[in-house]
Amino acid sequence: MDASENLGRVLGVEKTALEKLGAEMEKRTGRGDILQKTAEKNAAMIERTLDLLNSANHSAPHVKSILRETILRHEKHLLSFLPEMPGDTEFHKAAHLARKIATCGKGFFLKKELGAEILRKREPQKLLAYLGAKNIDEALKSHDVTELFSTLRFIESEEWMHETFDQAYNNFTAKDFEEREIEISVLGPEWKTVSAEFVKKKHHNVSHLKEFGVIFVNPIKEDVPGKFFRDFALLLHYFHEIDFYSKLFRKYSAEPDFADNFKQLLRGDVPEVYKAEPGEWLMVQRYLWKLNPEDPRRFLPRVNPESVHWARGERDLTAFKAPEAHLDFSIWHDLDWVGGIFADGGEEVLSFDLEDNAMSLVSFMEGQDQSFNYHQRESMWTKLFEEYAGGEEAMEKLLIENFNKGVIKF
């Protein structure tokens, strides 16, 4: 089986489409062996991982089982290490560890005092009623401004959120931003009731405020095996997503119409392009295999910024070691894009990505036994793009330069 057929089967695209892509990209970049090298490395990474797991059985059910078991074992190791961290609760200890592991530096974020100004202009009445506060200034006496912002999405209506966003974010300039560290916040128990619906909808208890450089954790613990490891990896992903958006804020702060661009970034308004000319790659922030397997973009060359954030977050986690606690997740290193075809009566694409397998473990423990691979498939496309771009740094530069276009042309 040649490289185009091998990768095509994993990605769900025709061999001829990849052959055509490879020929076109060789003309434009001078890199003619990307498909071959990627297919070879993918196969080698799979073989290495299965060897490390002492698996001679390569059937789909067995491989899925040992990957789930590895996630479960690593989650237990991580939970056993948490008591060594400072903090009053498991949530605070996990937040401290995530901050310790994440490799992001300072970012370019909206000044916190402007958050208070926004809330004064557009007082959130439902939030004030929940707190029993007369006005925002009274609420701010006992709650940090970013804490109040974090809880708005639990309490206020979407209509209120959209109106506030449109009205209050219109006049920001670069002077309204400052350099500071990314923060991670654990919401207090008083928010447990109102955040329950959010956790039920999102299936995790982590979210973020990109404009303020804040990640927050809801005070709701989900005891299903796999969920803690899954959500801890998500924390690290958010560090890198916020870091990436900080670079976009900085770029657009020097350009006209900054406020409009700023709002578009916070909404995630990447133009949705459905056609790629030769030498063009779509920029897609959605997981097409998850949302709509029939989406025509699934067959087109594309790069997904989300995959970049996941790769960096998982790299932070897999590079972290604590020998005294037998904490070593390096087996998952650089597997975010790795996937292969395994037999299970027919053929099945199995992902070797940490997050896909954590989600698969959760599904198994909840009695659904669904195997996930949508992170891996988007990551494999992103891996190909990175190779043609000339490396991770060059890829990020292209993403930032073309973020408002929805397509990148070589």
Protein backbone atom coordinates (compact mmCIF):
# COMPACT_ATOMS: atom_id res chain seq x y z
CA MET A 1 0.00 0.00 0.00
CA ASP A 2 1.51 3.37 -1.00
CA ALA A 3 1.46 6.54 1.08
CA SER A 4 -1.52 8.18 -0.65
CA GLU A 5 -3.67 5.09 -0.23
CA ASN A 6 -2.57 4.59 3.37
CA LEU A 7 -3.22 8.17 4.48
CA GLY A 8 -6.35 8.36 2.34
CA ARG A 9 -7.94 5.43 4.14
CA VAL A 10 -7.30 7.06 7.51
CA LEU A 11 -8.52 10.49 6.37
CA GLY A 12 -11.46 9.13 4.42
CA VAL A 13 -10.41 10.64 1.09
CA GLU A 14 -9.59 9.13 -2.28
CA LYS A 15 -6.00 8.13 -3.01
CA THR A 16 -6.06 10.15 -6.24
CA ALA A 17 -7.02 13.31 -4.35
CA LEU A 18 -3.93 13.01 -2.14
CA GLU A 19 -1.72 12.21 -5.12
CA LYS A 20 -2.96 15.35 -6.85
CA LEU A 21 -2.44 17.37 -3.67
CA GLY A 22 1.10 16.03 -3.23
CA ALA A 23 2.06 16.89 -6.79
CA GLU A 24 0.63 20.40 -6.51
CA MET A 25 2.29 21.10 -3.16
CA GLU A 26 5.64 19.82 -4.44
CA LYS A 27 5.47 22.39 -7.24
CA ARG A 28 4.66 25.17 -4.80
CA THR A 29 6.93 24.30 -1.86
CA GLY A 30 9.63 22.05 -3.32
CA ARG A 31 8.73 19.42 -0.72
CA GLY A 32 7.92 16.25 -2.64
CA ASP A 33 8.23 13.54 -0.02
CA ILE A 34 5.78 14.80 2.62
CA LEU A 35 3.08 12.17 2.05
CA GLN A 36 5.59 9.34 2.04
CA LYS A 37 7.40 10.52 5.16
CA THR A 38 4.15 11.15 7.00
CA ALA A 39 2.77 7.72 6.17
CA GLU A 40 6.02 6.06 7.23
CA LYS A 41 6.17 7.99 10.49
CA ASN A 42 2.52 7.25 11.21
CA ALA A 43 3.10 3.51 10.78
CA ALA A 44 6.28 3.66 12.88
CA MET A 45 4.56 5.54 15.69
CA ILE A 46 1.74 2.99 15.79
CA GLU A 47 4.20 0.10 15.87
CA ARG A 48 6.30 1.75 18.57
CA THR A 49 3.25 2.45 20.75
CA LEU A 50 1.93 -1.09 20.48
CA ASP A 51 5.39 -2.46 21.27
CA LEU A 52 5.59 -0.27 24.38
CA LEU A 53 2.21 -1.61 25.41
CA ASN A 54 3.39 -5.18 24.78
CA SER A 55 0.61 -5.78 22.31
CA ALA A 56 1.18 -8.46 19.72
CA ASN A 57 -2.54 -8.57 19.01
CA HIS A 58 -3.42 -5.90 16.44
CA SER A 59 -7.15 -6.49 16.19
CA ALA A 60 -9.30 -3.39 16.60
CA PRO A 61 -11.07 -4.55 19.80
CA HIS A 62 -7.78 -5.38 21.51
CA VAL A 63 -6.02 -2.16 20.48
CA LYS A 64 -8.98 -0.07 21.66
CA SER A 65 -8.97 -1.96 24.94
CA ILE A 66 -5.28 -1.46 25.73
CA LEU A 67 -5.42 2.23 24.81
CA ARG A 68 -8.39 2.71 27.17
CA GLU A 69 -6.60 0.78 29.90
CA THR A 70 -3.55 3.00 29.49
CA ILE A 71 -5.67 6.14 29.87
CA LEU A 72 -7.26 4.67 33.00
CA ARG A 73 -3.88 3.80 34.52
CA HIS A 74 -2.46 7.23 33.77
CA GLU A 75 -5.48 8.96 35.23
CA LYS A 76 -5.02 7.01 38.47
CA HIS A 77 -1.36 8.04 38.55
CA LEU A 78 -2.29 11.68 38.01
CA LEU A 79 -4.93 11.62 40.75
CA SER A 80 -2.50 9.98 43.17
CA PHE A 81 0.01 12.78 42.49
CA LEU A 82 -2.44 15.65 43.04
CA PRO A 83 -2.22 15.63 46.86
CA GLU A 84 1.37 16.83 46.45
CA MET A 85 0.10 20.09 44.95
CA PRO A 86 -0.90 23.14 47.00
CA GLY A 87 -4.59 23.97 47.19
CA ASP A 88 -7.65 23.39 49.34
CA THR A 89 -9.55 21.17 46.92
CA GLU A 90 -8.84 18.73 44.11
CA PHE A 91 -9.89 21.45 41.66
CA HIS A 92 -7.39 23.95 43.08
CA LYS A 93 -4.63 21.33 43.09
CA ALA A 94 -5.37 20.43 39.46
CA ALA A 95 -5.36 24.12 38.51
CA HIS A 96 -1.99 24.60 40.19
CA LEU A 97 -0.52 21.58 38.42
CA ALA A 98 -1.86 22.71 35.03
CA ARG A 99 -0.27 26.14 35.52
CA LYS A 100 2.99 24.40 36.43
CA ILE A 101 2.91 22.18 33.33
CA ALA A 102 1.72 24.70 30.72
CA THR A 103 4.54 26.27 28.72
CA CYS A 104 2.77 29.51 27.79
CA GLY A 105 4.22 32.86 28.79
CA LYS A 106 2.57 36.26 29.13
CA GLY A 107 -0.19 37.30 26.78
CA PHE A 108 -1.90 40.47 25.52
CA PHE A 109 -5.26 40.79 27.29
CA LEU A 110 -8.01 43.27 28.09
CA LYS A 111 -7.42 45.13 31.34
CA LYS A 112 -9.54 43.77 34.13
CA GLU A 113 -10.85 47.16 35.21
CA LEU A 114 -12.54 47.43 31.82
CA GLY A 115 -14.50 44.30 32.66
CA ALA A 116 -15.98 46.17 35.60
CA GLU A 117 -16.85 49.09 33.31
CA ILE A 118 -18.65 46.74 30.92
CA LEU A 119 -20.71 45.31 33.75
CA ARG A 120 -21.59 48.77 35.03
CA LYS A 121 -22.82 49.80 31.58
CA ARG A 122 -24.78 46.58 31.09
CA GLU A 123 -25.74 45.42 34.55
CA PRO A 124 -26.59 41.69 34.49
CA GLN A 125 -29.86 41.69 36.38
CA LYS A 126 -30.22 37.93 36.69
CA LEU A 127 -26.70 37.63 38.07
CA LEU A 128 -27.33 40.43 40.58
CA ALA A 129 -30.57 38.78 41.68
CA TYR A 130 -28.78 35.45 42.15
CA LEU A 131 -26.15 37.13 44.34
CA GLY A 132 -28.66 39.30 46.15
CA ALA A 133 -26.65 42.37 45.18
CA LYS A 134 -28.09 45.82 44.45
CA ASN A 135 -25.56 46.67 41.76
CA ILE A 136 -22.28 45.54 40.22
CA ASP A 137 -20.11 47.51 42.61
CA GLU A 138 -21.69 45.65 45.50
CA ALA A 139 -21.11 42.32 43.72
CA LEU A 140 -17.47 43.27 43.06
CA LYS A 141 -16.85 43.66 46.80
CA SER A 142 -17.00 39.88 47.20
CA HIS A 143 -16.26 38.56 43.70
CA ASP A 144 -13.45 39.08 41.20
CA VAL A 145 -14.56 40.67 37.94
CA THR A 146 -13.43 37.71 35.83
CA GLU A 147 -15.36 35.40 38.17
CA LEU A 148 -18.51 37.37 37.43
CA PHE A 149 -17.77 37.30 33.71
CA SER A 150 -17.26 33.54 33.88
CA THR A 151 -20.68 32.99 35.39
CA LEU A 152 -22.60 35.23 32.97
CA ARG A 153 -23.01 32.37 30.49
CA PHE A 154 -24.68 30.26 33.20
CA ILE A 155 -27.19 32.88 34.26
CA GLU A 156 -27.88 35.54 31.64
CA SER A 157 -29.71 34.87 28.37
CA GLU A 158 -27.94 34.51 25.04
CA GLU A 159 -29.80 37.61 23.87
CA TRP A 160 -28.36 39.62 26.76
CA MET A 161 -24.89 38.24 26.05
CA HIS A 162 -25.05 39.18 22.36
CA GLU A 163 -26.40 42.66 23.05
CA THR A 164 -23.72 43.31 25.66
CA PHE A 165 -21.05 42.04 23.34
CA ASP A 166 -22.20 44.25 20.46
CA GLN A 167 -22.60 47.37 22.58
CA ALA A 168 -19.76 47.18 25.07
CA TYR A 169 -16.87 45.96 22.91
CA ASN A 170 -17.12 48.66 20.24
CA ASN A 171 -14.43 51.12 21.24
CA PHE A 172 -11.49 49.10 22.53
CA THR A 173 -8.01 50.01 21.31
CA ALA A 174 -4.53 48.65 21.96
CA LYS A 175 -4.30 50.99 24.99
CA ASP A 176 -7.02 48.95 26.68
CA PHE A 177 -4.79 45.86 26.72
CA GLU A 178 -1.84 44.86 28.86
CA GLU A 179 0.73 42.08 29.14
CA ARG A 180 0.03 39.56 31.89
CA GLU A 181 0.12 35.86 32.66
CA ILE A 182 -2.70 33.53 31.71
CA GLU A 183 -4.77 32.84 34.81
CA ILE A 184 -6.64 29.72 35.86
CA SER A 185 -9.53 30.16 38.29
CA VAL A 186 -11.65 27.70 40.23
CA LEU A 187 -15.18 28.95 40.81
CA GLY A 188 -16.50 28.65 44.34
CA PRO A 189 -19.24 26.28 45.56
CA GLU A 190 -21.82 29.07 45.39
CA TRP A 191 -21.81 28.65 41.60
CA LYS A 192 -22.35 24.89 41.61
CA THR A 193 -26.12 24.94 41.06
CA VAL A 194 -26.14 27.44 38.17
CA SER A 195 -23.17 25.85 36.40
CA ALA A 196 -24.69 22.35 36.40
CA GLU A 197 -26.60 22.92 33.16
CA PHE A 198 -23.44 24.16 31.42
CA VAL A 199 -21.55 21.01 32.44
CA LYS A 200 -24.47 18.86 31.31
CA LYS A 201 -24.49 20.54 27.89
CA LYS A 202 -20.73 20.72 27.33
CA HIS A 203 -19.88 17.38 28.99
CA HIS A 204 -16.93 19.00 30.77
CA ASN A 205 -16.44 21.55 33.54
CA VAL A 206 -13.79 23.78 31.95
CA SER A 207 -14.15 26.97 29.89
CA HIS A 208 -12.34 30.25 29.27
CA LEU A 209 -12.47 33.99 28.67
CA LYS A 210 -10.06 34.62 25.82
CA GLU A 211 -10.17 38.40 26.05
CA PHE A 212 -9.13 38.38 29.72
CA GLY A 213 -6.68 35.47 29.48
CA VAL A 214 -8.61 33.42 32.02
CA ILE A 215 -9.44 29.71 32.21
CA PHE A 216 -12.08 28.74 34.73
CA VAL A 217 -13.15 25.46 36.27
CA ASN A 218 -16.71 24.84 37.45
CA PRO A 219 -17.04 23.29 40.92
CA ILE A 220 -18.72 20.13 39.65
CA LYS A 221 -16.86 16.85 39.87
CA GLU A 222 -17.69 14.08 37.44
CA ASP A 223 -16.63 10.73 38.85
CA VAL A 224 -16.75 8.68 35.64
CA PRO A 225 -13.27 7.20 35.00
CA GLY A 226 -11.53 9.05 32.19
CA LYS A 227 -13.25 12.39 32.69
CA PHE A 228 -10.58 13.85 34.95
CA PHE A 229 -7.77 13.01 32.55
CA ARG A 230 -9.84 14.23 29.61
CA ASP A 231 -10.61 17.57 31.29
CA PHE A 232 -7.08 18.05 32.59
CA ALA A 233 -5.79 17.78 29.02
CA LEU A 234 -8.48 20.30 28.04
CA LEU A 235 -7.09 22.75 30.61
CA LEU A 236 -3.71 22.60 28.89
CA HIS A 237 -5.37 22.96 25.48
CA TYR A 238 -7.04 26.17 26.68
CA PHE A 239 -3.72 27.65 27.77
CA HIS A 240 -2.49 27.36 24.20
CA GLU A 241 -5.76 28.50 22.64
CA ILE A 242 -5.69 31.65 24.76
CA ASP A 243 -2.01 32.16 23.92
CA PHE A 244 -2.81 31.89 20.19
CA TYR A 245 -5.67 34.40 20.42
CA SER A 246 -3.44 36.74 22.38
CA LYS A 247 -1.13 36.82 19.36
CA LEU A 248 -4.11 37.63 17.14
CA PHE A 249 -5.20 40.44 19.50
CA ARG A 250 -1.70 41.90 19.31
CA LYS A 251 -1.63 41.65 15.50
CA TYR A 252 -4.99 43.34 14.98
CA SER A 253 -4.37 45.99 17.65
CA ALA A 254 -2.03 47.74 15.20
CA GLU A 255 -4.56 47.70 12.36
CA PRO A 256 -7.65 49.79 11.52
CA ASP A 257 -11.06 48.60 12.77
CA PHE A 258 -9.49 46.82 15.73
CA ALA A 259 -12.74 46.70 17.71
CA ASP A 260 -14.60 44.97 14.86
CA ASN A 261 -11.79 42.49 14.36
CA PHE A 262 -11.59 41.90 18.12
CA LYS A 263 -15.28 41.03 18.29
CA GLN A 264 -14.98 38.74 15.29
CA LEU A 265 -12.11 36.90 16.97
CA LEU A 266 -14.10 36.40 20.16
CA ARG A 267 -17.05 35.09 18.16
CA GLY A 268 -14.75 32.74 16.27
CA ASP A 269 -15.84 34.17 12.93
CA VAL A 270 -13.54 32.36 10.52
CA PRO A 271 -15.08 32.61 7.02
CA GLU A 272 -16.44 29.25 5.97
CA VAL A 273 -15.04 28.44 2.54
CA TYR A 274 -16.26 25.32 0.75
CA LYS A 275 -13.98 25.25 -2.28
CA ALA A 276 -10.21 25.03 -2.52
CA GLU A 277 -8.29 25.98 -5.64
CA PRO A 278 -4.92 24.28 -6.34
CA GLY A 279 -2.43 25.29 -3.66
CA GLU A 280 -5.15 26.42 -1.24
CA TRP A 281 -5.88 24.98 2.20
CA LEU A 282 -9.07 25.77 4.07
CA MET A 283 -8.88 26.98 7.66
CA VAL A 284 -11.60 25.09 9.53
CA GLN A 285 -12.19 25.40 13.27
CA ARG A 286 -14.83 22.69 13.42
CA TYR A 287 -14.46 18.94 13.79
CA LEU A 288 -16.09 17.93 10.53
CA TRP A 289 -16.13 14.19 11.25
CA LYS A 290 -17.97 14.89 14.50
CA LEU A 291 -20.48 17.46 13.29
CA ASN A 292 -21.30 16.27 9.79
CA PRO A 293 -19.54 13.37 8.05
CA GLU A 294 -21.16 14.54 4.79
CA ASP A 295 -19.66 18.04 4.94
CA PRO A 296 -17.94 18.58 1.56
CA ARG A 297 -14.96 20.22 3.29
CA ARG A 298 -14.10 16.83 4.78
CA PHE A 299 -12.56 15.89 1.42
CA LEU A 300 -10.53 19.10 1.00
CA PRO A 301 -7.04 19.97 2.30
CA ARG A 302 -7.41 21.94 5.51
CA VAL A 303 -5.72 23.10 8.68
CA ASN A 304 -7.49 23.33 12.03
CA PRO A 305 -6.13 25.77 14.66
CA GLU A 306 -7.84 23.68 17.32
CA SER A 307 -5.52 20.82 16.39
CA VAL A 308 -2.53 23.08 17.00
CA HIS A 309 -3.77 23.94 20.50
CA TRP A 310 -4.36 20.27 21.27
CA ALA A 311 -0.94 19.25 19.99
CA ARG A 312 0.75 21.82 22.22
CA GLY A 313 -1.36 21.05 25.28
CA GLU A 314 -0.80 17.32 24.94
CA ARG A 315 2.90 17.92 24.38
CA ASP A 316 3.07 19.79 27.70
CA LEU A 317 1.37 16.90 29.46
CA THR A 318 3.44 14.16 27.85
CA ALA A 319 6.70 16.00 28.53
CA PHE A 320 5.92 16.34 32.24
CA LYS A 321 7.46 13.71 34.50
CA ALA A 322 7.48 13.10 38.25
CA PRO A 323 9.60 9.98 38.78
CA GLU A 324 8.89 9.80 42.51
CA ALA A 325 5.17 9.47 41.72
CA HIS A 326 5.71 7.16 38.73
CA LEU A 327 4.19 9.90 36.60
CA ASP A 328 5.23 9.43 32.97
CA PHE A 329 2.81 10.05 30.11
CA SER A 330 5.46 10.12 27.39
CA ILE A 331 3.92 7.16 25.56
CA TRP A 332 1.31 9.63 24.23
CA HIS A 333 3.90 12.10 22.97
CA ASP A 334 3.30 13.31 19.38
CA LEU A 335 0.42 10.87 18.89
CA ASP A 336 -2.27 13.52 18.43
CA TRP A 337 -2.23 13.03 14.62
CA VAL A 338 -1.50 9.28 14.55
CA GLY A 339 -4.18 6.82 13.44
CA GLY A 340 -4.46 3.58 11.53
CA ILE A 341 -6.78 1.04 9.97
CA PHE A 342 -7.49 -2.00 12.13
CA ALA A 343 -9.65 -5.03 11.50
CA ASP A 344 -12.89 -5.58 13.38
CA GLY A 345 -14.89 -7.71 10.98
CA GLY A 346 -14.52 -4.80 8.58
CA GLU A 347 -12.11 -1.89 8.83
CA GLU A 348 -12.01 0.73 11.56
CA VAL A 349 -9.94 3.88 11.93
CA LEU A 350 -8.39 3.91 15.41
CA SER A 351 -6.96 7.08 16.89
CA PHE A 352 -3.86 7.05 19.08
CA ASP A 353 -4.55 10.59 20.29
CA LEU A 354 -4.72 11.03 24.05
CA GLU A 355 -7.96 13.06 24.07
CA ASP A 356 -9.79 10.75 21.66
CA ASN A 357 -8.89 7.78 23.83
CA ALA A 358 -9.83 9.54 27.06
CA MET A 359 -13.24 10.25 25.54
CA SER A 360 -13.49 6.65 24.36
CA LEU A 361 -12.78 5.46 27.92
CA VAL A 362 -15.53 7.73 29.27
CA SER A 363 -17.93 6.36 26.67
CA PHE A 364 -16.99 2.79 27.59
CA MET A 365 -17.48 3.46 31.29
CA GLU A 366 -20.87 5.00 30.62
CA GLY A 367 -21.95 1.88 28.76
CA GLN A 368 -21.94 3.35 25.24
CA ASP A 369 -18.57 1.97 24.08
CA GLN A 370 -18.13 4.56 21.33
CA SER A 371 -14.67 4.94 19.82
CA PHE A 372 -13.65 8.51 18.92
CA ASN A 373 -11.21 9.59 16.22
CA TYR A 374 -12.27 13.07 15.14
CA HIS A 375 -9.42 14.89 16.91
CA GLN A 376 -6.89 12.62 15.21
CA ARG A 377 -8.30 13.04 11.72
CA GLU A 378 -8.24 16.84 11.89
CA SER A 379 -4.76 16.65 13.44
CA MET A 380 -3.46 14.51 10.58
CA TRP A 381 -4.57 17.13 8.06
CA THR A 382 -2.95 19.79 10.24
CA LYS A 383 0.23 17.70 10.43
CA LEU A 384 0.42 17.58 6.62
CA PHE A 385 -0.10 21.34 6.45
CA GLU A 386 2.65 21.88 9.03
CA GLU A 387 5.09 19.81 6.99
CA TYR A 388 4.35 21.70 3.78
CA ALA A 389 4.54 25.02 5.65
CA GLY A 390 8.05 24.19 6.87
CA GLY A 391 7.43 23.53 10.56
CA GLU A 392 5.30 24.56 13.50
CA GLU A 393 6.51 28.15 13.74
CA ALA A 394 5.94 28.76 10.03
CA MET A 395 2.50 27.16 10.30
CA GLU A 396 1.46 29.44 13.16
CA LYS A 397 2.65 32.48 11.23
CA LEU A 398 0.47 31.49 8.27
CA LEU A 399 -2.51 30.89 10.56
CA ILE A 400 -2.21 34.30 12.19
CA GLU A 401 -1.63 36.14 8.91
CA ASN A 402 -4.64 34.52 7.22
CA PHE A 403 -7.04 33.99 10.12
CA ASN A 404 -9.67 36.39 8.79
CA LYS A 405 -9.64 34.87 5.30
CA GLY A 406 -10.66 31.27 5.92
CA VAL A 407 -8.15 30.00 3.37
CA ILE A 408 -4.36 29.89 3.08
CA LYS A 409 -2.71 30.04 -0.32
CA PHE A 410 0.75 28.59 -0.99
